[in-house]
Amino acid sequence: MNVVVSISQFRQNIASYIERAKKGDTVILKDEKKDQQMVQLVGKKKFNPEAFGRALKTAAGVFSAKNHPEWRTKKDVIKWVEQTRKASDRIF
């Protein structure tokens, strides 16, 4: 959940906003005079090895020779990289 708060409100209740950030909320400090968002306060994310493992299993096999025949061998990969770099160096 995002919480938008003015800098003066944040100063008055800093402990409660820090606690909200720790619990997972995003606290956005806004400069009311300039009507701009200045800072986002986000709690530190904890590493979840189970979620990481699931993500790895989901992503496994996405890049393969079957999906990308241009990457079948090491020479093919080198050729593909060189062609891609040449194409990106073109000046229009």
PDB file of N, CA and C in Angstrom:
ATOM      1  N   MET A   1       0.843  -1.181   0.000  1.00  0.00           N
ATOM      2  CA  MET A   1       0.000   0.000   0.000  1.00  0.00           C
ATOM      3  C   MET A   1       0.884   1.238   0.000  1.00  0.00           C
ATOM      4  N   ASN A   2       0.525   2.217  -0.820  1.00  0.00           N
ATOM      5  CA  ASN A   2       1.256   3.479  -0.861  1.00  0.00           C
ATOM      6  C   ASN A   2       0.593   4.498   0.057  1.00  0.00           C
ATOM      7  N   VAL A   3       1.421   5.209   0.818  1.00  0.00           N
ATOM      8  CA  VAL A   3       0.941   6.261   1.704  1.00  0.00           C
ATOM      9  C   VAL A   3       1.655   7.543   1.314  1.00  0.00           C
ATOM     10  N   VAL A   4       0.910   8.539   0.868  1.00  0.00           N
ATOM     11  CA  VAL A   4       1.498   9.822   0.499  1.00  0.00           C
ATOM     12  C   VAL A   4       1.310  10.773   1.670  1.00  0.00           C
ATOM     13  N   VAL A   5       2.422  11.389   2.078  1.00  0.00           N
ATOM     14  CA  VAL A   5       2.387  12.244   3.261  1.00  0.00           C
ATOM     15  C   VAL A   5       3.283  13.458   3.028  1.00  0.00           C
ATOM     16  N   SER A   6       2.896  14.588   3.601  1.00  0.00           N
ATOM     17  CA  SER A   6       3.739  15.780   3.480  1.00  0.00           C
ATOM     18  C   SER A   6       4.957  15.630   4.390  1.00  0.00           C
ATOM     19  N   ILE A   7       5.971  16.382   4.080  1.00  0.00           N
ATOM     20  CA  ILE A   7       7.206  16.309   4.867  1.00  0.00           C
ATOM     21  C   ILE A   7       6.940  16.719   6.311  1.00  0.00           C
ATOM     22  N   SER A   8       6.100  17.731   6.520  1.00  0.00           N
ATOM     23  CA  SER A   8       5.810  18.169   7.890  1.00  0.00           C
ATOM     24  C   SER A   8       5.049  17.085   8.662  1.00  0.00           C
ATOM     25  N   GLN A   9       4.095  16.410   8.014  1.00  0.00           N
ATOM     26  CA  GLN A   9       3.381  15.315   8.673  1.00  0.00           C
ATOM     27  C   GLN A   9       4.337  14.172   9.010  1.00  0.00           C
ATOM     28  N   PHE A  10       5.267  13.904   8.093  1.00  0.00           N
ATOM     29  CA  PHE A  10       6.237  12.844   8.326  1.00  0.00           C
ATOM     30  C   PHE A  10       7.094  13.161   9.542  1.00  0.00           C
ATOM     31  N   ARG A  11       7.550  14.401   9.641  1.00  0.00           N
ATOM     32  CA  ARG A  11       8.378  14.797  10.792  1.00  0.00           C
ATOM     33  C   ARG A  11       7.631  14.633  12.107  1.00  0.00           C
ATOM     34  N   GLN A  12       6.346  14.942  12.125  1.00  0.00           N
ATOM     35  CA  GLN A  12       5.568  14.854  13.352  1.00  0.00           C
ATOM     36  C   GLN A  12       5.308  13.406  13.777  1.00  0.00           C
ATOM     37  N   ASN A  13       5.260  12.488  12.808  1.00  0.00           N
ATOM     38  CA  ASN A  13       4.921  11.095  13.114  1.00  0.00           C
ATOM     39  C   ASN A  13       5.939  10.131  12.512  1.00  0.00           C
ATOM     40  N   ILE A  14       7.196  10.464  12.576  1.00  0.00           N
ATOM     41  CA  ILE A  14       8.238   9.700  11.901  1.00  0.00           C
ATOM     42  C   ILE A  14       8.260   8.226  12.323  1.00  0.00           C
ATOM     43  N   ALA A  15       8.094   7.954  13.600  1.00  0.00           N
ATOM     44  CA  ALA A  15       8.159   6.578  14.089  1.00  0.00           C
ATOM     45  C   ALA A  15       7.050   5.722  13.479  1.00  0.00           C
ATOM     46  N   SER A  16       5.842   6.263  13.386  1.00  0.00           N
ATOM     47  CA  SER A  16       4.732   5.473  12.842  1.00  0.00           C
ATOM     48  C   SER A  16       4.915   5.213  11.347  1.00  0.00           C
ATOM     49  N   TYR A  17       5.470   6.189  10.613  1.00  0.00           N
ATOM     50  CA  TYR A  17       5.689   5.979   9.182  1.00  0.00           C
ATOM     51  C   TYR A  17       6.825   4.985   8.927  1.00  0.00           C
ATOM     52  N   ILE A  18       7.837   5.015   9.757  1.00  0.00           N
ATOM     53  CA  ILE A  18       8.919   4.029   9.638  1.00  0.00           C
ATOM     54  C   ILE A  18       8.383   2.632   9.925  1.00  0.00           C
ATOM     55  N   GLU A  19       7.527   2.528  10.903  1.00  0.00           N
ATOM     56  CA  GLU A  19       6.916   1.237  11.225  1.00  0.00           C
ATOM     57  C   GLU A  19       6.071   0.718  10.067  1.00  0.00           C
ATOM     58  N   ARG A  20       5.347   1.617   9.422  1.00  0.00           N
ATOM     59  CA  ARG A  20       4.542   1.213   8.257  1.00  0.00           C
ATOM     60  C   ARG A  20       5.426   0.717   7.124  1.00  0.00           C
ATOM     61  N   ALA A  21       6.557   1.391   6.913  1.00  0.00           N
ATOM     62  CA  ALA A  21       7.491   0.961   5.866  1.00  0.00           C
ATOM     63  C   ALA A  21       8.066  -0.418   6.188  1.00  0.00           C
ATOM     64  N   LYS A  22       8.357  -0.656   7.460  1.00  0.00           N
ATOM     65  CA  LYS A  22       8.870  -1.970   7.876  1.00  0.00           C
ATOM     66  C   LYS A  22       7.867  -3.073   7.590  1.00  0.00           C
ATOM     67  N   LYS A  23       6.579  -2.762   7.720  1.00  0.00           N
ATOM     68  CA  LYS A  23       5.532  -3.757   7.512  1.00  0.00           C
ATOM     69  C   LYS A  23       5.224  -3.989   6.031  1.00  0.00           C
ATOM     70  N   GLY A  24       5.837  -3.181   5.145  1.00  0.00           N
ATOM     71  CA  GLY A  24       5.650  -3.412   3.714  1.00  0.00           C
ATOM     72  C   GLY A  24       5.009  -2.277   2.949  1.00  0.00           C
ATOM     73  N   ASP A  25       4.524  -1.252   3.632  1.00  0.00           N
ATOM     74  CA  ASP A  25       3.943  -0.112   2.925  1.00  0.00           C
ATOM     75  C   ASP A  25       5.057   0.747   2.326  1.00  0.00           C
ATOM     76  N   THR A  26       4.721   1.484   1.283  1.00  0.00           N
ATOM     77  CA  THR A  26       5.628   2.467   0.711  1.00  0.00           C
ATOM     78  C   THR A  26       5.159   3.843   1.159  1.00  0.00           C
ATOM     79  N   VAL A  27       6.018   4.559   1.867  1.00  0.00           N
ATOM     80  CA  VAL A  27       5.687   5.892   2.352  1.00  0.00           C
ATOM     81  C   VAL A  27       6.334   6.895   1.399  1.00  0.00           C
ATOM     82  N   ILE A  28       5.510   7.735   0.784  1.00  0.00           N
ATOM     83  CA  ILE A  28       5.998   8.714  -0.190  1.00  0.00           C
ATOM     84  C   ILE A  28       5.911  10.091   0.439  1.00  0.00           C
ATOM     85  N   LEU A  29       7.069  10.763   0.523  1.00  0.00           N
ATOM     86  CA  LEU A  29       7.106  12.123   1.071  1.00  0.00           C
ATOM     87  C   LEU A  29       6.897  13.110  -0.066  1.00  0.00           C
ATOM     88  N   LYS A  30       5.984  14.050   0.161  1.00  0.00           N
ATOM     89  CA  LYS A  30       5.609  14.995  -0.881  1.00  0.00           C
ATOM     90  C   LYS A  30       5.870  16.415  -0.397  1.00  0.00           C
ATOM     91  N   ASP A  31       6.490  17.207  -1.259  1.00  0.00           N
ATOM     92  CA  ASP A  31       6.688  18.629  -0.989  1.00  0.00           C
ATOM     93  C   ASP A  31       5.421  19.340  -1.462  1.00  0.00           C
ATOM     94  N   GLU A  32       4.627  19.814  -0.513  1.00  0.00           N
ATOM     95  CA  GLU A  32       3.335  20.414  -0.867  1.00  0.00           C
ATOM     96  C   GLU A  32       3.483  21.731  -1.617  1.00  0.00           C
ATOM     97  N   LYS A  33       4.541  22.485  -1.326  1.00  0.00           N
ATOM     98  CA  LYS A  33       4.736  23.769  -2.000  1.00  0.00           C
ATOM     99  C   LYS A  33       5.013  23.569  -3.488  1.00  0.00           C
ATOM    100  N   LYS A  34       5.817  22.579  -3.813  1.00  0.00           N
ATOM    101  CA  LYS A  34       6.174  22.319  -5.216  1.00  0.00           C
ATOM    102  C   LYS A  34       5.257  21.272  -5.846  1.00  0.00           C
ATOM    103  N   ASP A  35       4.415  20.647  -5.034  1.00  0.00           N
ATOM    104  CA  ASP A  35       3.529  19.577  -5.471  1.00  0.00           C
ATOM    105  C   ASP A  35       4.314  18.469  -6.192  1.00  0.00           C
ATOM    106  N   GLN A  36       5.408  18.045  -5.542  1.00  0.00           N
ATOM    107  CA  GLN A  36       6.261  17.001  -6.099  1.00  0.00           C
ATOM    108  C   GLN A  36       6.499  15.907  -5.065  1.00  0.00           C
ATOM    109  N   GLN A  37       6.617  14.698  -5.565  1.00  0.00           N
ATOM    110  CA  GLN A  37       7.035  13.606  -4.698  1.00  0.00           C
ATOM    111  C   GLN A  37       8.545  13.685  -4.577  1.00  0.00           C
ATOM    112  N   MET A  38       9.040  13.663  -3.350  1.00  0.00           N
ATOM    113  CA  MET A  38      10.466  13.867  -3.118  1.00  0.00           C
ATOM    114  C   MET A  38      11.203  12.571  -2.787  1.00  0.00           C
ATOM    115  N   VAL A  39      10.630  11.742  -1.921  1.00  0.00           N
ATOM    116  CA  VAL A  39      11.325  10.570  -1.408  1.00  0.00           C
ATOM    117  C   VAL A  39      10.327   9.424  -1.234  1.00  0.00           C
ATOM    118  N   GLN A  40      10.803   8.206  -1.456  1.00  0.00           N
ATOM    119  CA  GLN A  40      10.014   7.022  -1.134  1.00  0.00           C
ATOM    120  C   GLN A  40      10.737   6.261  -0.047  1.00  0.00           C
ATOM    121  N   LEU A  41      10.021   5.918   0.978  1.00  0.00           N
ATOM    122  CA  LEU A  41      10.567   5.133   2.073  1.00  0.00           C
ATOM    123  C   LEU A  41       9.987   3.729   1.960  1.00  0.00           C
ATOM    124  N   VAL A  42      10.891   2.758   1.716  1.00  0.00           N
ATOM    125  CA  VAL A  42      10.469   1.376   1.510  1.00  0.00           C
ATOM    126  C   VAL A  42      11.253   0.496   2.460  1.00  0.00           C
ATOM    127  N   GLY A  43      10.571  -0.401   3.132  1.00  0.00           N
ATOM    128  CA  GLY A  43      11.241  -1.316   4.051  1.00  0.00           C
ATOM    129  C   GLY A  43      12.145  -2.286   3.314  1.00  0.00           C
ATOM    130  N   LYS A  44      13.135  -2.779   4.003  1.00  0.00           N
ATOM    131  CA  LYS A  44      14.075  -3.730   3.423  1.00  0.00           C
ATOM    132  C   LYS A  44      13.363  -5.057   3.178  1.00  0.00           C
ATOM    133  N   LYS A  45      13.548  -5.579   1.968  1.00  0.00           N
ATOM    134  CA  LYS A  45      12.941  -6.858   1.620  1.00  0.00           C
ATOM    135  C   LYS A  45      13.796  -7.991   2.180  1.00  0.00           C
ATOM    136  N   LYS A  46      13.149  -9.019   2.664  1.00  0.00           N
ATOM    137  CA  LYS A  46      13.860 -10.177   3.184  1.00  0.00           C
ATOM    138  C   LYS A  46      13.974 -11.219   2.086  1.00  0.00           C
ATOM    139  N   PHE A  47      15.113 -11.877   2.035  1.00  0.00           N
ATOM    140  CA  PHE A  47      15.350 -12.915   1.040  1.00  0.00           C
ATOM    141  C   PHE A  47      14.535 -14.144   1.393  1.00  0.00           C
ATOM    142  N   ASN A  48      13.770 -14.613   0.427  1.00  0.00           N
ATOM    143  CA  ASN A  48      12.949 -15.796   0.611  1.00  0.00           C
ATOM    144  C   ASN A  48      13.479 -16.886  -0.317  1.00  0.00           C
ATOM    145  N   PRO A  49      14.251 -17.847   0.204  1.00  0.00           N
ATOM    146  CA  PRO A  49      14.847 -18.861  -0.663  1.00  0.00           C
ATOM    147  C   PRO A  49      13.819 -19.726  -1.390  1.00  0.00           C
ATOM    148  N   GLU A  50      12.669 -19.959  -0.786  1.00  0.00           N
ATOM    149  CA  GLU A  50      11.630 -20.766  -1.441  1.00  0.00           C
ATOM    150  C   GLU A  50      11.072 -20.042  -2.659  1.00  0.00           C
ATOM    151  N   ALA A  51      10.783 -18.754  -2.518  1.00  0.00           N
ATOM    152  CA  ALA A  51      10.268 -17.977  -3.649  1.00  0.00           C
ATOM    153  C   ALA A  51      11.319 -17.864  -4.748  1.00  0.00           C
ATOM    154  N   PHE A  52      12.585 -17.718  -4.341  1.00  0.00           N
ATOM    155  CA  PHE A  52      13.673 -17.640  -5.315  1.00  0.00           C
ATOM    156  C   PHE A  52      13.779 -18.953  -6.094  1.00  0.00           C
ATOM    157  N   GLY A  53      13.680 -20.065  -5.403  1.00  0.00           N
ATOM    158  CA  GLY A  53      13.729 -21.372  -6.049  1.00  0.00           C
ATOM    159  C   GLY A  53      12.585 -21.572  -7.032  1.00  0.00           C
ATOM    160  N   ARG A  54      11.383 -21.136  -6.651  1.00  0.00           N
ATOM    161  CA  ARG A  54      10.236 -21.237  -7.560  1.00  0.00           C
ATOM    162  C   ARG A  54      10.453 -20.385  -8.810  1.00  0.00           C
ATOM    163  N   ALA A  55      10.997 -19.190  -8.629  1.00  0.00           N
ATOM    164  CA  ALA A  55      11.257 -18.314  -9.776  1.00  0.00           C
ATOM    165  C   ALA A  55      12.294 -18.931 -10.715  1.00  0.00           C
ATOM    166  N   LEU A  56      13.313 -19.552 -10.148  1.00  0.00           N
ATOM    167  CA  LEU A  56      14.325 -20.212 -10.975  1.00  0.00           C
ATOM    168  C   LEU A  56      13.724 -21.357 -11.784  1.00  0.00           C
ATOM    169  N   LYS A  57      12.873 -22.160 -11.144  1.00  0.00           N
ATOM    170  CA  LYS A  57      12.236 -23.274 -11.850  1.00  0.00           C
ATOM    171  C   LYS A  57      11.327 -22.773 -12.964  1.00  0.00           C
ATOM    172  N   THR A  58      10.637 -21.670 -12.711  1.00  0.00           N
ATOM    173  CA  THR A  58       9.751 -21.099 -13.721  1.00  0.00           C
ATOM    174  C   THR A  58      10.544 -20.591 -14.923  1.00  0.00           C
ATOM    175  N   ALA A  59      11.695 -19.961 -14.659  1.00  0.00           N
ATOM    176  CA  ALA A  59      12.502 -19.367 -15.730  1.00  0.00           C
ATOM    177  C   ALA A  59      13.387 -20.385 -16.435  1.00  0.00           C
ATOM    178  N   ALA A  60      13.598 -21.545 -15.839  1.00  0.00           N
ATOM    179  CA  ALA A  60      14.495 -22.545 -16.428  1.00  0.00           C
ATOM    180  C   ALA A  60      13.978 -22.980 -17.790  1.00  0.00           C
ATOM    181  N   GLY A  61      14.866 -23.019 -18.761  1.00  0.00           N
ATOM    182  CA  GLY A  61      14.524 -23.476 -20.102  1.00  0.00           C
ATOM    183  C   GLY A  61      13.922 -22.426 -21.004  1.00  0.00           C
ATOM    184  N   VAL A  62      13.804 -21.194 -20.529  1.00  0.00           N
ATOM    185  CA  VAL A  62      13.252 -20.132 -21.360  1.00  0.00           C
ATOM    186  C   VAL A  62      14.167 -19.872 -22.555  1.00  0.00           C
ATOM    187  N   PHE A  63      15.475 -19.819 -22.302  1.00  0.00           N
ATOM    188  CA  PHE A  63      16.444 -19.635 -23.376  1.00  0.00           C
ATOM    189  C   PHE A  63      17.059 -20.982 -23.713  1.00  0.00           C
ATOM    190  N   SER A  64      16.743 -21.465 -24.888  1.00  0.00           N
ATOM    191  CA  SER A  64      17.297 -22.742 -25.323  1.00  0.00           C
ATOM    192  C   SER A  64      17.551 -22.681 -26.824  1.00  0.00           C
ATOM    193  N   ALA A  65      18.279 -23.675 -27.337  1.00  0.00           N
ATOM    194  CA  ALA A  65      18.549 -23.732 -28.774  1.00  0.00           C
ATOM    195  C   ALA A  65      17.247 -23.904 -29.556  1.00  0.00           C
ATOM    196  N   LYS A  66      16.262 -24.553 -28.944  1.00  0.00           N
ATOM    197  CA  LYS A  66      14.974 -24.728 -29.607  1.00  0.00           C
ATOM    198  C   LYS A  66      14.266 -23.385 -29.797  1.00  0.00           C
ATOM    199  N   ASN A  67      14.288 -22.552 -28.743  1.00  0.00           N
ATOM    200  CA  ASN A  67      13.649 -21.231 -28.808  1.00  0.00           C
ATOM    201  C   ASN A  67      14.468 -20.243 -29.620  1.00  0.00           C
ATOM    202  N   HIS A  68      15.791 -20.411 -29.609  1.00  0.00           N
ATOM    203  CA  HIS A  68      16.701 -19.474 -30.276  1.00  0.00           C
ATOM    204  C   HIS A  68      17.724 -20.256 -31.102  1.00  0.00           C
ATOM    205  N   PRO A  69      17.358 -20.628 -32.324  1.00  0.00           N
ATOM    206  CA  PRO A  69      18.284 -21.419 -33.140  1.00  0.00           C
ATOM    207  C   PRO A  69      19.571 -20.675 -33.469  1.00  0.00           C
ATOM    208  N   GLU A  70      19.551 -19.349 -33.374  1.00  0.00           N
ATOM    209  CA  GLU A  70      20.770 -18.569 -33.641  1.00  0.00           C
ATOM    210  C   GLU A  70      21.811 -18.747 -32.539  1.00  0.00           C
ATOM    211  N   TRP A  71      21.469 -19.419 -31.452  1.00  0.00           N
ATOM    212  CA  TRP A  71      22.391 -19.645 -30.332  1.00  0.00           C
ATOM    213  C   TRP A  71      22.755 -21.123 -30.184  1.00  0.00           C
ATOM    214  N   ARG A  72      22.649 -21.882 -31.265  1.00  0.00           N
ATOM    215  CA  ARG A  72      22.850 -23.335 -31.201  1.00  0.00           C
ATOM    216  C   ARG A  72      24.262 -23.720 -30.767  1.00  0.00           C
ATOM    217  N   THR A  73      25.276 -23.041 -31.312  1.00  0.00           N
ATOM    218  CA  THR A  73      26.666 -23.345 -30.964  1.00  0.00           C
ATOM    219  C   THR A  73      27.354 -22.079 -30.483  1.00  0.00           C
ATOM    220  N   LYS A  74      28.558 -22.245 -29.953  1.00  0.00           N
ATOM    221  CA  LYS A  74      29.316 -21.089 -29.473  1.00  0.00           C
ATOM    222  C   LYS A  74      29.618 -20.131 -30.631  1.00  0.00           C
ATOM    223  N   LYS A  75      29.957 -20.674 -31.802  1.00  0.00           N
ATOM    224  CA  LYS A  75      30.229 -19.824 -32.974  1.00  0.00           C
ATOM    225  C   LYS A  75      28.979 -19.044 -33.385  1.00  0.00           C
ATOM    226  N   ASP A  76      27.830 -19.700 -33.314  1.00  0.00           N
ATOM    227  CA  ASP A  76      26.573 -19.027 -33.648  1.00  0.00           C
ATOM    228  C   ASP A  76      26.298 -17.864 -32.692  1.00  0.00           C
ATOM    229  N   VAL A  77      26.587 -18.075 -31.420  1.00  0.00           N
ATOM    230  CA  VAL A  77      26.368 -17.016 -30.424  1.00  0.00           C
ATOM    231  C   VAL A  77      27.295 -15.842 -30.711  1.00  0.00           C
ATOM    232  N   ILE A  78      28.568 -16.130 -30.993  1.00  0.00           N
ATOM    233  CA  ILE A  78      29.534 -15.062 -31.299  1.00  0.00           C
ATOM    234  C   ILE A  78      29.079 -14.280 -32.528  1.00  0.00           C
ATOM    235  N   LYS A  79      28.650 -14.988 -33.560  1.00  0.00           N
ATOM    236  CA  LYS A  79      28.175 -14.339 -34.783  1.00  0.00           C
ATOM    237  C   LYS A  79      26.960 -13.453 -34.484  1.00  0.00           C
ATOM    238  N   TRP A  80      26.036 -13.978 -33.683  1.00  0.00           N
ATOM    239  CA  TRP A  80      24.839 -13.219 -33.333  1.00  0.00           C
ATOM    240  C   TRP A  80      25.186 -11.949 -32.554  1.00  0.00           C
ATOM    241  N   VAL A  81      26.126 -12.070 -31.601  1.00  0.00           N
ATOM    242  CA  VAL A  81      26.543 -10.903 -30.803  1.00  0.00           C
ATOM    243  C   VAL A  81      27.185  -9.861 -31.710  1.00  0.00           C
ATOM    244  N   GLU A  82      28.063 -10.288 -32.601  1.00  0.00           N
ATOM    245  CA  GLU A  82      28.737  -9.342 -33.512  1.00  0.00           C
ATOM    246  C   GLU A  82      27.732  -8.630 -34.404  1.00  0.00           C
ATOM    247  N   GLN A  83      26.769  -9.363 -34.952  1.00  0.00           N
ATOM    248  CA  GLN A  83      25.750  -8.743 -35.798  1.00  0.00           C
ATOM    249  C   GLN A  83      24.893  -7.751 -35.021  1.00  0.00           C
ATOM    250  N   THR A  84      24.546  -8.116 -33.799  1.00  0.00           N
ATOM    251  CA  THR A  84      23.724  -7.237 -32.974  1.00  0.00           C
ATOM    252  C   THR A  84      24.480  -5.950 -32.629  1.00  0.00           C
ATOM    253  N   ARG A  85      25.763  -6.095 -32.317  1.00  0.00           N
ATOM    254  CA  ARG A  85      26.566  -4.914 -32.008  1.00  0.00           C
ATOM    255  C   ARG A  85      26.720  -4.015 -33.227  1.00  0.00           C
ATOM    256  N   LYS A  86      26.927  -4.591 -34.406  1.00  0.00           N
ATOM    257  CA  LYS A  86      27.023  -3.797 -35.628  1.00  0.00           C
ATOM    258  C   LYS A  86      25.737  -3.028 -35.866  1.00  0.00           C
ATOM    259  N   ALA A  87      24.618  -3.708 -35.692  1.00  0.00           N
ATOM    260  CA  ALA A  87      23.322  -3.073 -35.921  1.00  0.00           C
ATOM    261  C   ALA A  87      23.086  -1.931 -34.940  1.00  0.00           C
ATOM    262  N   SER A  88      23.549  -2.073 -33.707  1.00  0.00           N
ATOM    263  CA  SER A  88      23.318  -1.012 -32.717  1.00  0.00           C
ATOM    264  C   SER A  88      24.287   0.149 -32.882  1.00  0.00           C
ATOM    265  N   ASP A  89      25.396  -0.055 -33.607  1.00  0.00           N
ATOM    266  CA  ASP A  89      26.371   1.005 -33.828  1.00  0.00           C
ATOM    267  C   ASP A  89      26.044   1.863 -35.031  1.00  0.00           C
ATOM    268  N   ARG A  90      24.988   1.514 -35.742  1.00  0.00           N
ATOM    269  CA  ARG A  90      24.633   2.280 -36.938  1.00  0.00           C
ATOM    270  C   ARG A  90      24.215   3.683 -36.566  1.00  0.00           C
ATOM    271  N   ILE A  91      24.591   4.643 -37.387  1.00  0.00           N
ATOM    272  CA  ILE A  91      24.218   6.038 -37.161  1.00  0.00           C
ATOM    273  C   ILE A  91      23.245   6.443 -38.254  1.00  0.00           C
ATOM    274  N   PHE A  92      22.135   7.024 -37.859  1.00  0.00           N
ATOM    275  CA  PHE A  92      21.130   7.422 -38.824  1.00  0.00           C
ATOM    276  C   PHE A  92      21.152   8.916 -39.027  1.00  0.00           C
TER     277      PHE A  92
END
